[in-house]
Amino acid sequence: MPLVLFLTRSVWAQMVGHAYDGLPDEACGLFAGPPGTNRVTAFHPCRNAAASSRVYSIDGGDFLRIDRASEAAGLQIQGVMHSHTHTDAYPSVTDVEQAPDPAWHYVIVSLRQDAPVLRSYQLVSGQISEEVVSLSDH
């Protein structure tokens, strides 16, 4: 049975919008939800410290601020989103090598096509497993 990541339509729209806002560089951000679930209720855009169209790096100050704010709200960081400006929504070798937490969800928004494509993955010990993304109104 495939793992499912539950996103609100609002979070989906925020992720896609942030991907466009980041152009020409890759955009990135962290997302959070209730502990012990795969339900994402908050998205936090971050600065791409790499300032690159090919790689991303979450700004350390952003990470600390978002981690504290999430904890104060009773949420936990569940993963990271980043955009691919010229390639498909599939993890690159760099994405897999730099995946910091095997429990996280790794969302990629591709802007390669006319319409954005959002996909999510689990990256564990170098293995890539796509998961279903389910959208809801709340």
C-alpha atoms as a PDB file:
ATOM      1  CA  MET A   1       0.000   0.000   0.000  1.00  0.00           C
ATOM      2  CA  PRO A   2       1.581   3.307  -1.071  1.00  0.00           C
ATOM      3  CA  LEU A   3       2.175   6.057   1.433  1.00  0.00           C
ATOM      4  CA  VAL A   4      -0.118   9.068   1.024  1.00  0.00           C
ATOM      5  CA  LEU A   5       0.778  12.689   1.717  1.00  0.00           C
ATOM      6  CA  PHE A   6      -2.302  14.792   2.455  1.00  0.00           C
ATOM      7  CA  LEU A   7      -2.098  18.449   1.380  1.00  0.00           C
ATOM      8  CA  THR A   8      -4.746  21.110   1.657  1.00  0.00           C
ATOM      9  CA  ARG A   9      -5.462  22.876  -1.616  1.00  0.00           C
ATOM     10  CA  SER A  10      -4.210  26.050   0.056  1.00  0.00           C
ATOM     11  CA  VAL A  11      -0.819  24.464   0.885  1.00  0.00           C
ATOM     12  CA  TRP A  12      -0.587  23.087  -2.672  1.00  0.00           C
ATOM     13  CA  ALA A  13      -1.250  26.569  -4.090  1.00  0.00           C
ATOM     14  CA  GLN A  14       1.320  28.142  -1.737  1.00  0.00           C
ATOM     15  CA  MET A  15       3.991  25.622  -2.805  1.00  0.00           C
ATOM     16  CA  VAL A  16       3.316  26.137  -6.510  1.00  0.00           C
ATOM     17  CA  GLY A  17       3.188  29.919  -6.098  1.00  0.00           C
ATOM     18  CA  HIS A  18       6.481  29.922  -4.207  1.00  0.00           C
ATOM     19  CA  ALA A  19       8.066  27.834  -6.986  1.00  0.00           C
ATOM     20  CA  TYR A  20       7.115  30.534  -9.516  1.00  0.00           C
ATOM     21  CA  ASP A  21       8.187  33.335  -7.154  1.00  0.00           C
ATOM     22  CA  GLY A  22      11.667  31.769  -6.933  1.00  0.00           C
ATOM     23  CA  LEU A  23      12.382  31.894 -10.654  1.00  0.00           C
ATOM     24  CA  PRO A  24      14.936  31.852 -12.164  1.00  0.00           C
ATOM     25  CA  ASP A  25      16.347  29.992  -9.123  1.00  0.00           C
ATOM     26  CA  GLU A  26      14.993  26.897  -7.429  1.00  0.00           C
ATOM     27  CA  ALA A  27      12.598  27.772  -4.629  1.00  0.00           C
ATOM     28  CA  CYS A  28      12.416  25.869  -1.360  1.00  0.00           C
ATOM     29  CA  GLY A  29      10.386  25.709   1.812  1.00  0.00           C
ATOM     30  CA  LEU A  30       9.417  23.561   4.765  1.00  0.00           C
ATOM     31  CA  PHE A  31       6.000  22.171   5.589  1.00  0.00           C
ATOM     32  CA  ALA A  32       4.451  21.037   8.841  1.00  0.00           C
ATOM     33  CA  GLY A  33       1.473  19.195  10.216  1.00  0.00           C
ATOM     34  CA  PRO A  34       0.173  17.392  13.271  1.00  0.00           C
ATOM     35  CA  PRO A  35       2.757  14.976  14.739  1.00  0.00           C
ATOM     36  CA  GLY A  36       2.325  11.333  13.757  1.00  0.00           C
ATOM     37  CA  THR A  37       0.324  12.100  10.611  1.00  0.00           C
ATOM     38  CA  ASN A  38       0.999  12.581   6.907  1.00  0.00           C
ATOM     39  CA  ARG A  39      -1.285  15.625   6.912  1.00  0.00           C
ATOM     40  CA  VAL A  40       0.297  18.942   5.908  1.00  0.00           C
ATOM     41  CA  THR A  41      -1.456  22.015   7.276  1.00  0.00           C
ATOM     42  CA  ALA A  42       1.232  24.707   6.990  1.00  0.00           C
ATOM     43  CA  PHE A  43       3.789  25.715   4.376  1.00  0.00           C
ATOM     44  CA  HIS A  44       6.700  28.041   5.133  1.00  0.00           C
ATOM     45  CA  PRO A  45       8.632  29.525   2.195  1.00  0.00           C
ATOM     46  CA  CYS A  46      12.387  29.676   2.812  1.00  0.00           C
ATOM     47  CA  ARG A  47      15.302  31.472   1.217  1.00  0.00           C
ATOM     48  CA  ASN A  48      17.364  29.297  -1.110  1.00  0.00           C
ATOM     49  CA  ALA A  49      20.775  29.911   0.464  1.00  0.00           C
ATOM     50  CA  ALA A  50      22.400  28.373  -2.649  1.00  0.00           C
ATOM     51  CA  ALA A  51      20.782  31.047  -4.886  1.00  0.00           C
ATOM     52  CA  SER A  52      20.927  28.574  -7.788  1.00  0.00           C
ATOM     53  CA  SER A  53      18.702  27.337 -10.604  1.00  0.00           C
ATOM     54  CA  ARG A  54      20.141  23.816 -10.166  1.00  0.00           C
ATOM     55  CA  VAL A  55      20.308  23.167  -6.391  1.00  0.00           C
ATOM     56  CA  TYR A  56      18.706  24.395  -3.201  1.00  0.00           C
ATOM     57  CA  SER A  57      19.747  24.822   0.403  1.00  0.00           C
ATOM     58  CA  ILE A  58      17.345  25.804   3.186  1.00  0.00           C
ATOM     59  CA  ASP A  59      18.622  28.925   4.952  1.00  0.00           C
ATOM     60  CA  GLY A  60      19.695  27.906   8.490  1.00  0.00           C
ATOM     61  CA  GLY A  61      17.957  30.855  10.113  1.00  0.00           C
ATOM     62  CA  ASP A  62      14.716  30.020   8.308  1.00  0.00           C
ATOM     63  CA  PHE A  63      14.954  26.399   9.466  1.00  0.00           C
ATOM     64  CA  LEU A  64      15.407  27.357  13.115  1.00  0.00           C
ATOM     65  CA  ARG A  65      12.579  29.933  13.013  1.00  0.00           C
ATOM     66  CA  ILE A  66      10.152  27.526  11.325  1.00  0.00           C
ATOM     67  CA  ASP A  67      11.063  24.620  13.609  1.00  0.00           C
ATOM     68  CA  ARG A  68      10.379  26.743  16.706  1.00  0.00           C
ATOM     69  CA  ALA A  69       7.149  28.220  15.315  1.00  0.00           C
ATOM     70  CA  SER A  70       5.886  24.774  14.298  1.00  0.00           C
ATOM     71  CA  GLU A  71       6.614  23.329  17.726  1.00  0.00           C
ATOM     72  CA  ALA A  72       4.870  26.279  19.423  1.00  0.00           C
ATOM     73  CA  ALA A  73       1.807  25.622  17.232  1.00  0.00           C
ATOM     74  CA  GLY A  74       1.775  21.909  18.129  1.00  0.00           C
ATOM     75  CA  LEU A  75       3.024  20.899  14.693  1.00  0.00           C
ATOM     76  CA  GLN A  76       6.189  19.239  13.433  1.00  0.00           C
ATOM     77  CA  ILE A  77       8.179  19.737  10.266  1.00  0.00           C
ATOM     78  CA  GLN A  78       7.228  16.889   7.956  1.00  0.00           C
ATOM     79  CA  GLY A  79       9.370  17.661   4.978  1.00  0.00           C
ATOM     80  CA  VAL A  80      10.808  19.987   2.410  1.00  0.00           C
ATOM     81  CA  MET A  81       9.552  21.304  -0.909  1.00  0.00           C
ATOM     82  CA  HIS A  82      11.745  22.563  -3.701  1.00  0.00           C
ATOM     83  CA  SER A  83      11.264  23.359  -7.342  1.00  0.00           C
ATOM     84  CA  HIS A  84      12.899  22.069 -10.471  1.00  0.00           C
ATOM     85  CA  THR A  85      13.010  24.892 -12.963  1.00  0.00           C
ATOM     86  CA  HIS A  86      14.030  22.883 -16.045  1.00  0.00           C
ATOM     87  CA  THR A  87      13.601  19.193 -15.172  1.00  0.00           C
ATOM     88  CA  ASP A  88      10.842  16.781 -14.188  1.00  0.00           C
ATOM     89  CA  ALA A  89       9.462  16.452 -10.655  1.00  0.00           C
ATOM     90  CA  TYR A  90      11.817  13.585  -9.819  1.00  0.00           C
ATOM     91  CA  PRO A  91      14.681  13.643  -7.280  1.00  0.00           C
ATOM     92  CA  SER A  92      18.110  14.350  -8.718  1.00  0.00           C
ATOM     93  CA  VAL A  93      21.225  12.545  -7.494  1.00  0.00           C
ATOM     94  CA  THR A  94      21.998  15.673  -5.425  1.00  0.00           C
ATOM     95  CA  ASP A  95      18.470  15.673  -3.942  1.00  0.00           C
ATOM     96  CA  VAL A  96      18.910  12.069  -2.812  1.00  0.00           C
ATOM     97  CA  GLU A  97      22.424  12.604  -1.429  1.00  0.00           C
ATOM     98  CA  GLN A  98      21.380  15.693   0.535  1.00  0.00           C
ATOM     99  CA  ALA A  99      18.108  14.316   1.969  1.00  0.00           C
ATOM    100  CA  PRO A 100      18.525  15.142   5.686  1.00  0.00           C
ATOM    101  CA  ASP A 101      15.789  13.036   7.284  1.00  0.00           C
ATOM    102  CA  PRO A 102      14.473   9.609   6.172  1.00  0.00           C
ATOM    103  CA  ALA A 103      11.141  10.310   7.914  1.00  0.00           C
ATOM    104  CA  TRP A 104      10.511  13.441   5.825  1.00  0.00           C
ATOM    105  CA  HIS A 105       8.460  13.832   2.670  1.00  0.00           C
ATOM    106  CA  TYR A 106      10.300  15.411  -0.262  1.00  0.00           C
ATOM    107  CA  VAL A 107       7.972  17.436  -2.486  1.00  0.00           C
ATOM    108  CA  ILE A 108       9.200  18.608  -5.880  1.00  0.00           C
ATOM    109  CA  VAL A 109       7.343  21.145  -8.004  1.00  0.00           C
ATOM    110  CA  SER A 110       8.436  21.014 -11.638  1.00  0.00           C
ATOM    111  CA  LEU A 111       7.998  24.113 -13.771  1.00  0.00           C
ATOM    112  CA  ARG A 112       9.280  22.378 -16.912  1.00  0.00           C
ATOM    113  CA  GLN A 113       5.830  22.038 -18.523  1.00  0.00           C
ATOM    114  CA  ASP A 114       3.197  24.732 -19.150  1.00  0.00           C
ATOM    115  CA  ALA A 115       1.353  23.608 -16.010  1.00  0.00           C
ATOM    116  CA  PRO A 116       3.208  22.937 -12.747  1.00  0.00           C
ATOM    117  CA  VAL A 117       3.632  19.317 -11.626  1.00  0.00           C
ATOM    118  CA  LEU A 118       3.847  18.521  -7.882  1.00  0.00           C
ATOM    119  CA  ARG A 119       5.031  15.080  -6.752  1.00  0.00           C
ATOM    120  CA  SER A 120       6.217  13.709  -3.417  1.00  0.00           C
ATOM    121  CA  TYR A 121       8.798  11.110  -2.449  1.00  0.00           C
ATOM    122  CA  GLN A 122      10.313   9.287   0.480  1.00  0.00           C
ATOM    123  CA  LEU A 123      14.125   9.193   0.260  1.00  0.00           C
ATOM    124  CA  VAL A 124      15.566   6.502   2.511  1.00  0.00           C
ATOM    125  CA  SER A 125      19.121   5.149   2.275  1.00  0.00           C
ATOM    126  CA  GLY A 126      19.432   6.280  -1.333  1.00  0.00           C
ATOM    127  CA  GLN A 127      16.138   4.643  -2.338  1.00  0.00           C
ATOM    128  CA  ILE A 128      13.442   6.760  -4.023  1.00  0.00           C
ATOM    129  CA  SER A 129       9.788   5.869  -3.369  1.00  0.00           C
ATOM    130  CA  GLU A 130       7.053   8.009  -4.846  1.00  0.00           C
ATOM    131  CA  GLU A 131       4.001   8.583  -2.678  1.00  0.00           C
ATOM    132  CA  VAL A 132       0.464   9.556  -3.548  1.00  0.00           C
ATOM    133  CA  VAL A 133      -0.456  13.217  -3.016  1.00  0.00           C
ATOM    134  CA  SER A 134      -4.052  13.689  -1.907  1.00  0.00           C
ATOM    135  CA  LEU A 135      -5.619  17.166  -1.956  1.00  0.00           C
ATOM    136  CA  SER A 136      -8.428  18.298   0.344  1.00  0.00           C
ATOM    137  CA  ASP A 137     -10.157  21.548   1.225  1.00  0.00           C
ATOM    138  CA  HIS A 138      -9.057  21.340   4.884  1.00  0.00           C
END
